[in-house]
Amino acid sequence: MADKLDVMVVDDEPTVCERLKDYLEQQGMAVETYLDSQAAVARLAERRFHVIVTDLKMKGPTGLDVLMAVRAQKLPTKVIIITGYRTIEDARSAEYMGAYGFLDKPFRLEELRDMVKKAARKAAH
């Protein structure tokens, strides 16, 4: 694994992207953010990320669609899904599809940081 963790954040709320980018970069991670989930999926063909943090419900592709794109390309990238609207069905679908984790908004930034670091270790193996 490289010295810096490469993290993609996908959320259609600009404040969420900005807040997570600022915090994760302060933790020494390299972060790209996407408000447009379709652009994020396209970026996966160009660059590899250790971890993707994606909102579940967005205009265009959902967080589950982002997860499916990672799986379809057989990438070692781990996907963490964040949401303010979790249902049992969403959680089951995400788990079945191979999501690394699920965080309900609002969450503590430290909780996300720890999950990203653990997920990156799994992605490296």
Protein backbone atom coordinates (compact mmCIF):
# COMPACT_ATOMS: atom_id res chain seq x y z
CA MET A 1 0.00 0.00 0.00
CA ALA A 2 1.24 3.49 -0.76
CA ASP A 3 2.14 5.89 2.03
CA LYS A 4 -1.13 7.78 1.62
CA LEU A 5 -4.50 6.14 1.54
CA ASP A 6 -6.38 7.01 -1.63
CA VAL A 7 -10.02 7.70 -0.78
CA MET A 8 -12.96 8.64 -3.00
CA VAL A 9 -15.94 10.39 -1.40
CA VAL A 10 -19.23 10.38 -3.33
CA ASP A 11 -22.15 12.41 -2.00
CA ASP A 12 -24.57 14.77 -3.74
CA GLU A 13 -24.40 17.18 -0.79
CA PRO A 14 -21.46 19.60 -1.26
CA THR A 15 -21.10 20.21 2.49
CA VAL A 16 -20.67 16.49 3.16
CA CYS A 17 -17.98 16.20 0.48
CA GLU A 18 -16.14 19.27 1.76
CA ARG A 19 -16.31 18.22 5.40
CA LEU A 20 -15.11 14.66 4.76
CA LYS A 21 -12.38 15.79 2.35
CA ASP A 22 -11.01 18.34 4.83
CA TYR A 23 -11.06 15.92 7.74
CA LEU A 24 -9.59 12.91 5.89
CA GLU A 25 -6.85 15.05 4.34
CA GLN A 26 -5.96 16.29 7.83
CA GLN A 27 -5.56 12.60 8.70
CA GLY A 28 -2.98 12.25 5.90
CA MET A 29 -5.19 10.72 3.23
CA ALA A 30 -5.43 11.69 -0.44
CA VAL A 31 -9.10 12.42 -1.16
CA GLU A 32 -11.10 12.99 -4.34
CA THR A 33 -14.73 14.05 -4.01
CA TYR A 34 -17.61 13.66 -6.42
CA LEU A 35 -21.04 15.27 -6.27
CA ASP A 36 -21.99 13.37 -9.44
CA SER A 37 -22.06 9.63 -8.83
CA GLN A 38 -21.90 8.87 -12.57
CA ALA A 39 -18.60 10.78 -12.82
CA ALA A 40 -17.33 8.85 -9.79
CA VAL A 41 -18.13 5.52 -11.44
CA ALA A 42 -16.35 6.67 -14.63
CA ARG A 43 -13.28 7.68 -12.58
CA LEU A 44 -12.88 4.09 -11.36
CA ALA A 45 -11.60 3.14 -14.83
CA GLU A 46 -8.83 5.75 -14.52
CA ARG A 47 -7.61 5.54 -10.94
CA ARG A 48 -7.54 3.01 -8.14
CA PHE A 49 -8.70 3.89 -4.64
CA HIS A 50 -8.16 1.98 -1.42
CA VAL A 51 -11.56 3.02 -0.08
CA ILE A 52 -14.72 4.64 -1.42
CA VAL A 53 -17.09 6.40 0.97
CA THR A 54 -20.41 6.83 -0.81
CA ASP A 55 -23.84 8.11 0.10
CA LEU A 56 -26.59 5.56 -0.41
CA LYS A 57 -29.32 7.78 -1.91
CA MET A 58 -28.21 10.14 -4.69
CA LYS A 59 -29.46 11.46 -8.01
CA GLY A 60 -28.22 9.10 -10.70
CA PRO A 61 -26.33 6.00 -9.60
CA THR A 62 -26.88 5.14 -5.93
CA GLY A 63 -24.27 4.02 -3.44
CA LEU A 64 -25.24 0.43 -4.24
CA ASP A 65 -24.61 1.17 -7.93
CA VAL A 66 -21.14 2.49 -7.04
CA LEU A 67 -20.53 -0.70 -5.07
CA MET A 68 -21.70 -2.82 -8.04
CA ALA A 69 -19.29 -0.93 -10.34
CA VAL A 70 -16.39 -1.72 -8.01
CA ARG A 71 -17.39 -5.39 -7.91
CA ALA A 72 -17.95 -5.57 -11.71
CA GLN A 73 -14.39 -4.31 -12.28
CA LYS A 74 -13.07 -6.79 -9.68
CA LEU A 75 -11.31 -3.97 -7.83
CA PRO A 76 -9.84 -4.59 -4.36
CA THR A 77 -11.37 -1.27 -3.29
CA LYS A 78 -13.47 -1.39 -0.12
CA VAL A 79 -16.76 0.52 -0.09
CA ILE A 80 -18.26 2.21 2.95
CA ILE A 81 -21.85 3.36 2.56
CA ILE A 82 -23.16 6.36 4.49
CA THR A 83 -26.80 7.29 4.72
CA GLY A 84 -29.38 9.26 6.60
CA TYR A 85 -32.12 6.88 5.44
CA ARG A 86 -31.07 3.32 6.21
CA THR A 87 -33.57 0.52 5.92
CA ILE A 88 -33.04 -3.11 6.80
CA GLU A 89 -33.37 -3.96 3.12
CA ASP A 90 -30.62 -1.45 2.20
CA ALA A 91 -28.29 -2.81 4.86
CA ARG A 92 -28.91 -6.41 3.75
CA SER A 93 -28.36 -5.51 0.09
CA ALA A 94 -25.15 -3.67 0.87
CA GLU A 95 -23.83 -6.54 2.98
CA TYR A 96 -24.80 -9.12 0.36
CA MET A 97 -23.09 -7.08 -2.36
CA GLY A 98 -19.88 -6.86 -0.34
CA ALA A 99 -19.91 -3.41 1.27
CA TYR A 100 -17.20 -3.12 3.90
CA GLY A 101 -19.35 -1.05 6.23
CA PHE A 102 -22.42 1.08 6.73
CA LEU A 103 -22.55 4.33 8.72
CA ASP A 104 -25.69 6.24 9.61
CA LYS A 105 -25.63 10.04 9.32
CA PRO A 106 -24.82 11.87 11.44
CA PHE A 107 -21.69 9.96 12.40
CA ARG A 108 -18.55 10.96 14.23
CA LEU A 109 -15.64 11.79 11.93
CA GLU A 110 -13.35 9.65 14.09
CA GLU A 111 -15.66 6.69 13.51
CA LEU A 112 -15.38 7.16 9.74
CA ARG A 113 -11.59 7.60 9.95
CA ASP A 114 -11.19 4.35 11.86
CA MET A 115 -13.44 2.47 9.45
CA VAL A 116 -11.53 3.86 6.43
CA LYS A 117 -8.19 2.78 7.91
CA LYS A 118 -9.46 -0.73 8.68
CA ALA A 119 -11.01 -1.04 5.23
CA ALA A 120 -7.75 0.08 3.58
CA ARG A 121 -5.85 -2.63 5.43
CA LYS A 122 -8.31 -5.20 4.08
CA ALA A 123 -8.00 -3.75 0.56
CA ALA A 124 -4.22 -4.21 0.71
CA HIS A 125 -4.50 -7.96 1.32
